Amino acid sequence: MLNKLFDLSGRVALVTGGSKGLGKAMSRGFAEAGANVIICSRHEDELKKAAAEIKDGLNVRVEYKVVDMHDRKQVADLADWALKTLGRVDVLVNNAGSNQPQSLVDTTDSSWDHILELNITSCMLLSRALAPQMIARKWGRIIHLSSVMAMASNSGRGCYSATKAALIGMARAHALELGPHGVTVNCIAPGPIATDLPMSILSDEQKKKFSDRTAVKRWGQPIDMVGPAMLLATDAGAYITGNVITADGGMLCRTFE
């Protein structure tokens, strides 16, 4: 029974930001479960290497496309290309995102627009483009990568928190619309995960503060998100929709000490 519940044989998964970090780890998990996988990012060299690693030792197809998710035409072209290349998309993981820490009074229009376009608008556009063919087949999974920063935040993270909270609201509304058609929509809200983005913008002191606030006293690794993604992407999660899996090492358990 368990093998069938977590089986993605014959399915196609599209993972944005799939060339590294969480995206690559989740893509490998889907491939190991039998799915053909499409990944995209802005850098072809990273995509080519990641595609080879995701496919290594497996009898699945792994395709990649260079896409700038800030560009609405490129997002639309990605959806069309994915459907033409593999004929369908059953699992969409909106993983691409970024952060530009700024205080409220220092937030620039260009920074605000840039983060909103990538972190929320691109997710809506790609979901809108791919939902119809999921509806037609009465099966689909849409997963947005939110964050614990949607539920708690830090100074300078107003824009990032706003977009990650917006993903949760959007998922709940779309879950109601798509649920009758066999399509689920959910979010994963990771806590501190040791990927390139936080490791590049946080000081050593900030990194330690994050790990100390978790119950498990460590940063998560990309592999820690594969389990939640597999649950939501497969028949195992067929009765889960409009929800958020918070995978934060217990960070949100803590109040005052």
Protein backbone atom coordinates (compact mmCIF):
# COMPACT_ATOMS: atom_id res chain seq x y z
CA MET A 1 0.00 0.00 0.00
CA LEU A 2 2.73 2.49 0.95
CA ASN A 3 4.54 1.98 -2.33
CA LYS A 4 1.37 2.84 -4.25
CA LEU A 5 0.57 5.87 -2.11
CA PHE A 6 3.97 7.44 -2.75
CA ASP A 7 4.30 6.27 -6.37
CA LEU A 8 4.68 8.95 -9.06
CA SER A 9 5.30 6.62 -11.99
CA GLY A 10 3.98 8.18 -15.18
CA ARG A 11 3.57 11.58 -13.57
CA VAL A 12 5.38 14.76 -14.59
CA ALA A 13 6.69 17.21 -12.01
CA LEU A 14 7.75 20.78 -12.78
CA VAL A 15 9.96 22.41 -10.15
CA THR A 16 10.95 26.05 -10.46
CA GLY A 17 14.32 26.95 -9.02
CA GLY A 18 15.18 23.30 -9.46
CA SER A 19 18.89 23.59 -10.13
CA LYS A 20 20.01 23.65 -6.50
CA GLY A 21 18.97 23.59 -2.88
CA LEU A 22 15.40 22.61 -2.05
CA GLY A 23 14.36 22.47 -5.68
CA LYS A 24 17.02 19.96 -6.65
CA ALA A 25 16.42 17.81 -3.57
CA MET A 26 12.67 17.67 -4.18
CA SER A 27 13.20 16.97 -7.88
CA ARG A 28 15.42 13.99 -7.07
CA GLY A 29 12.78 12.71 -4.66
CA PHE A 30 10.11 12.90 -7.35
CA ALA A 31 12.40 11.18 -9.84
CA GLU A 32 13.14 8.36 -7.39
CA ALA A 33 9.37 7.92 -7.04
CA GLY A 34 9.13 7.43 -10.80
CA ALA A 35 8.20 10.89 -12.05
CA ASN A 36 9.61 12.55 -15.12
CA VAL A 37 10.91 15.94 -14.03
CA ILE A 38 11.29 19.40 -15.48
CA ILE A 39 13.48 21.93 -13.70
CA CYS A 40 14.13 25.57 -14.49
CA SER A 41 16.31 28.42 -13.30
CA ARG A 42 18.26 31.31 -14.83
CA HIS A 43 21.58 29.49 -15.25
CA GLU A 44 22.05 26.80 -17.87
CA ASP A 45 25.32 25.49 -16.45
CA GLU A 46 23.67 24.83 -13.07
CA LEU A 47 20.61 23.29 -14.73
CA LYS A 48 22.65 20.92 -16.89
CA LYS A 49 24.61 19.67 -13.89
CA ALA A 50 21.52 19.35 -11.69
CA ALA A 51 19.57 17.47 -14.37
CA ALA A 52 22.34 14.89 -14.62
CA GLU A 53 22.43 14.45 -10.83
CA ILE A 54 18.63 14.15 -10.58
CA LYS A 55 18.53 11.52 -13.32
CA ASP A 56 21.60 9.57 -12.19
CA GLY A 57 20.83 5.85 -12.01
CA LEU A 58 17.12 6.30 -12.75
CA ASN A 59 14.99 5.39 -15.76
CA VAL A 60 13.15 8.72 -15.99
CA ARG A 61 13.29 11.81 -18.16
CA VAL A 62 14.74 14.99 -16.71
CA GLU A 63 14.40 18.10 -18.84
CA TYR A 64 15.45 21.63 -18.09
CA LYS A 65 14.77 25.13 -19.38
CA VAL A 66 16.45 28.46 -18.72
CA VAL A 67 13.78 30.81 -17.37
CA ASP A 68 13.78 34.15 -15.61
CA MET A 69 10.69 33.93 -13.40
CA HIS A 70 10.57 37.74 -13.15
CA ASP A 71 9.60 37.84 -16.83
CA ARG A 72 5.92 37.09 -17.35
CA LYS A 73 6.36 36.08 -20.98
CA GLN A 74 9.07 33.60 -20.02
CA VAL A 75 6.78 32.13 -17.36
CA ALA A 76 4.03 31.67 -19.95
CA ASP A 77 6.51 30.17 -22.40
CA LEU A 78 7.70 27.75 -19.70
CA ALA A 79 4.18 26.40 -19.23
CA ASP A 80 3.69 25.94 -22.98
CA TRP A 81 7.10 24.34 -23.41
CA ALA A 82 6.57 21.94 -20.52
CA LEU A 83 3.26 20.71 -21.94
CA LYS A 84 4.72 20.31 -25.42
CA THR A 85 7.86 18.58 -24.15
CA LEU A 86 6.35 16.02 -21.78
CA GLY A 87 2.67 16.27 -22.62
CA ARG A 88 1.42 17.12 -19.16
CA VAL A 89 2.32 18.54 -15.77
CA ASP A 90 0.82 16.71 -12.81
CA VAL A 91 2.86 18.24 -10.00
CA LEU A 92 3.82 21.91 -9.94
CA VAL A 93 6.24 23.09 -7.27
CA ASN A 94 6.60 26.86 -7.12
CA ASN A 95 9.96 26.94 -5.40
CA ALA A 96 11.77 29.87 -7.04
CA GLY A 97 12.03 32.86 -4.73
CA SER A 98 14.34 35.48 -3.34
CA ASN A 99 14.80 37.97 -0.52
CA GLN A 100 16.22 41.48 -0.37
CA PRO A 101 16.24 42.53 3.30
CA GLN A 102 15.31 46.18 3.76
CA SER A 103 13.69 48.16 6.52
CA LEU A 104 10.30 49.69 5.81
CA VAL A 105 11.61 53.22 5.34
CA ASP A 106 14.43 52.00 3.10
CA THR A 107 12.29 49.75 0.91
CA THR A 108 12.56 50.86 -2.71
CA ASP A 109 9.81 50.50 -5.28
CA SER A 110 12.10 48.47 -7.52
CA SER A 111 13.00 46.01 -4.76
CA TRP A 112 9.37 45.63 -3.71
CA ASP A 113 8.22 45.03 -7.29
CA HIS A 114 11.08 42.60 -7.95
CA ILE A 115 10.32 40.38 -4.94
CA LEU A 116 6.54 40.41 -5.48
CA GLU A 117 6.95 39.48 -9.13
CA LEU A 118 9.15 36.50 -8.32
CA ASN A 119 7.75 35.28 -5.01
CA ILE A 120 4.01 35.56 -5.65
CA THR A 121 3.07 36.72 -9.16
CA SER A 122 5.08 34.07 -11.00
CA CYS A 123 3.48 31.40 -8.80
CA MET A 124 0.00 32.59 -9.73
CA LEU A 125 0.87 32.82 -13.42
CA LEU A 126 2.32 29.33 -13.64
CA SER A 127 -0.50 27.82 -11.58
CA ARG A 128 -3.08 29.57 -13.77
CA ALA A 129 -1.42 28.27 -16.92
CA LEU A 130 -1.14 24.66 -15.78
CA ALA A 131 -4.32 24.19 -13.73
CA PRO A 132 -6.66 23.66 -16.74
CA GLN A 133 -4.94 20.48 -17.91
CA MET A 134 -4.90 19.18 -14.31
CA ILE A 135 -8.64 19.87 -14.08
CA ALA A 136 -9.23 18.04 -17.37
CA ARG A 137 -7.50 14.90 -16.01
CA LYS A 138 -9.10 15.21 -12.53
CA TRP A 139 -5.69 14.98 -10.84
CA GLY A 140 -3.10 17.55 -9.94
CA ARG A 141 -0.86 18.88 -7.21
CA ILE A 142 0.21 22.50 -6.75
CA ILE A 143 2.76 23.17 -4.01
CA HIS A 144 4.02 26.62 -3.08
CA LEU A 145 7.17 27.09 -1.03
CA SER A 146 6.16 29.53 1.69
CA SER A 147 8.22 30.07 4.86
CA VAL A 148 8.01 30.38 8.62
CA MET A 149 8.54 34.04 7.79
CA ALA A 150 4.89 34.03 6.72
CA MET A 151 3.87 33.43 10.34
CA ALA A 152 6.64 35.19 12.23
CA SER A 153 9.23 37.62 10.99
CA ASN A 154 12.29 39.73 11.67
CA SER A 155 13.14 43.37 11.11
CA GLY A 156 13.94 44.04 7.48
CA ARG A 157 11.92 41.11 6.16
CA GLY A 158 8.65 42.92 5.47
CA CYS A 159 8.54 42.29 1.73
CA TYR A 160 9.65 38.67 2.00
CA SER A 161 7.15 37.92 4.78
CA ALA A 162 4.38 39.62 2.83
CA THR A 163 4.93 37.43 -0.22
CA LYS A 164 5.26 34.21 1.74
CA ALA A 165 2.06 34.96 3.66
CA ALA A 166 0.32 35.78 0.39
CA LEU A 167 1.17 32.31 -0.94
CA ILE A 168 -0.74 30.75 1.94
CA GLY A 169 -3.81 32.87 1.32
CA MET A 170 -3.66 32.16 -2.39
CA ALA A 171 -3.30 28.42 -1.80
CA ARG A 172 -6.39 28.34 0.41
CA ALA A 173 -8.55 30.15 -2.13
CA HIS A 174 -7.33 28.02 -5.01
CA ALA A 175 -7.76 24.83 -2.98
CA LEU A 176 -11.48 25.59 -2.75
CA GLU A 177 -11.72 26.27 -6.47
CA LEU A 178 -9.75 23.25 -7.63
CA GLY A 179 -10.64 20.67 -4.99
CA PRO A 180 -13.82 19.48 -6.76
CA HIS A 181 -11.63 18.66 -9.77
CA GLY A 182 -9.15 16.44 -7.93
CA VAL A 183 -6.46 19.11 -7.69
CA THR A 184 -4.91 19.94 -4.32
CA VAL A 185 -3.10 23.18 -3.48
CA ASN A 186 -0.83 23.45 -0.46
CA CYS A 187 2.20 25.19 0.96
CA ILE A 188 5.36 24.01 2.63
CA ALA A 189 6.74 26.51 5.14
CA PRO A 190 10.39 25.69 5.80
CA GLY A 191 12.27 27.02 8.76
CA PRO A 192 15.97 27.82 8.50
CA ILE A 193 17.37 25.68 5.69
CA ALA A 194 21.05 25.83 4.78
CA THR A 195 20.72 26.87 1.15
CA ASP A 196 22.65 29.48 -0.82
CA LEU A 197 20.20 32.31 -0.14
CA PRO A 198 20.29 32.50 3.67
CA MET A 199 23.91 31.43 3.84
CA SER A 200 24.83 34.35 1.59
CA ILE A 201 22.92 37.13 3.36
CA LEU A 202 23.19 36.21 7.07
CA SER A 203 26.11 36.85 9.39
CA ASP A 204 27.56 34.03 11.47
CA GLU A 205 25.82 35.51 14.51
CA GLN A 206 22.47 35.54 12.73
CA LYS A 207 22.94 31.96 11.55
CA LYS A 208 23.57 30.83 15.12
CA LYS A 209 20.51 32.68 16.36
CA PHE A 210 18.35 30.88 13.84
CA SER A 211 19.67 27.44 14.74
CA ASP A 212 19.39 28.19 18.47
CA ARG A 213 15.70 29.06 18.08
CA THR A 214 14.82 25.64 16.67
CA ALA A 215 13.92 22.77 18.95
CA VAL A 216 16.48 20.54 17.22
CA LYS A 217 19.26 23.15 17.49
CA ARG A 218 20.34 22.99 13.87
CA TRP A 219 19.70 24.36 10.43
CA GLY A 220 17.65 22.11 8.21
CA GLN A 221 19.08 20.60 5.04
CA PRO A 222 17.39 20.44 1.63
CA ILE A 223 16.75 16.71 2.14
CA ASP A 224 14.52 17.61 5.09
CA MET A 225 11.94 19.07 2.68
CA VAL A 226 11.71 16.00 0.47
CA GLY A 227 9.35 14.15 2.83
CA PRO A 228 6.79 16.97 3.03
CA ALA A 229 6.99 17.47 -0.74
CA MET A 230 6.46 13.76 -1.41
CA LEU A 231 3.43 13.69 0.88
CA LEU A 232 1.78 16.62 -0.88
CA ALA A 233 2.73 15.50 -4.40
CA THR A 234 1.39 11.95 -4.23
CA ASP A 235 -1.82 10.07 -3.49
CA ALA A 236 -0.65 9.90 0.11
CA GLY A 237 -1.72 13.53 0.44
CA ALA A 238 -4.92 13.35 -1.56
CA TYR A 239 -7.02 14.55 1.41
CA ILE A 240 -4.69 17.42 2.29
CA THR A 241 -5.48 20.72 0.60
CA GLY A 242 -5.50 24.40 1.48
CA ASN A 243 -2.97 23.66 4.20
CA VAL A 244 0.56 24.47 5.26
CA ILE A 245 3.12 21.91 6.34
CA THR A 246 5.46 23.79 8.66
CA ALA A 247 8.84 22.07 8.56
CA ASP A 248 10.84 24.34 10.83
CA GLY A 249 12.66 22.11 13.32
CA GLY A 250 10.31 23.39 16.01
CA MET A 251 11.21 27.04 15.60
CA LEU A 252 7.64 28.32 15.99
CA CYS A 253 7.18 26.37 19.22
CA ARG A 254 9.33 28.87 21.09
CA THR A 255 8.07 32.02 22.79
CA PHE A 256 10.11 33.47 25.64
CA GLU A 257 13.17 32.16 27.44
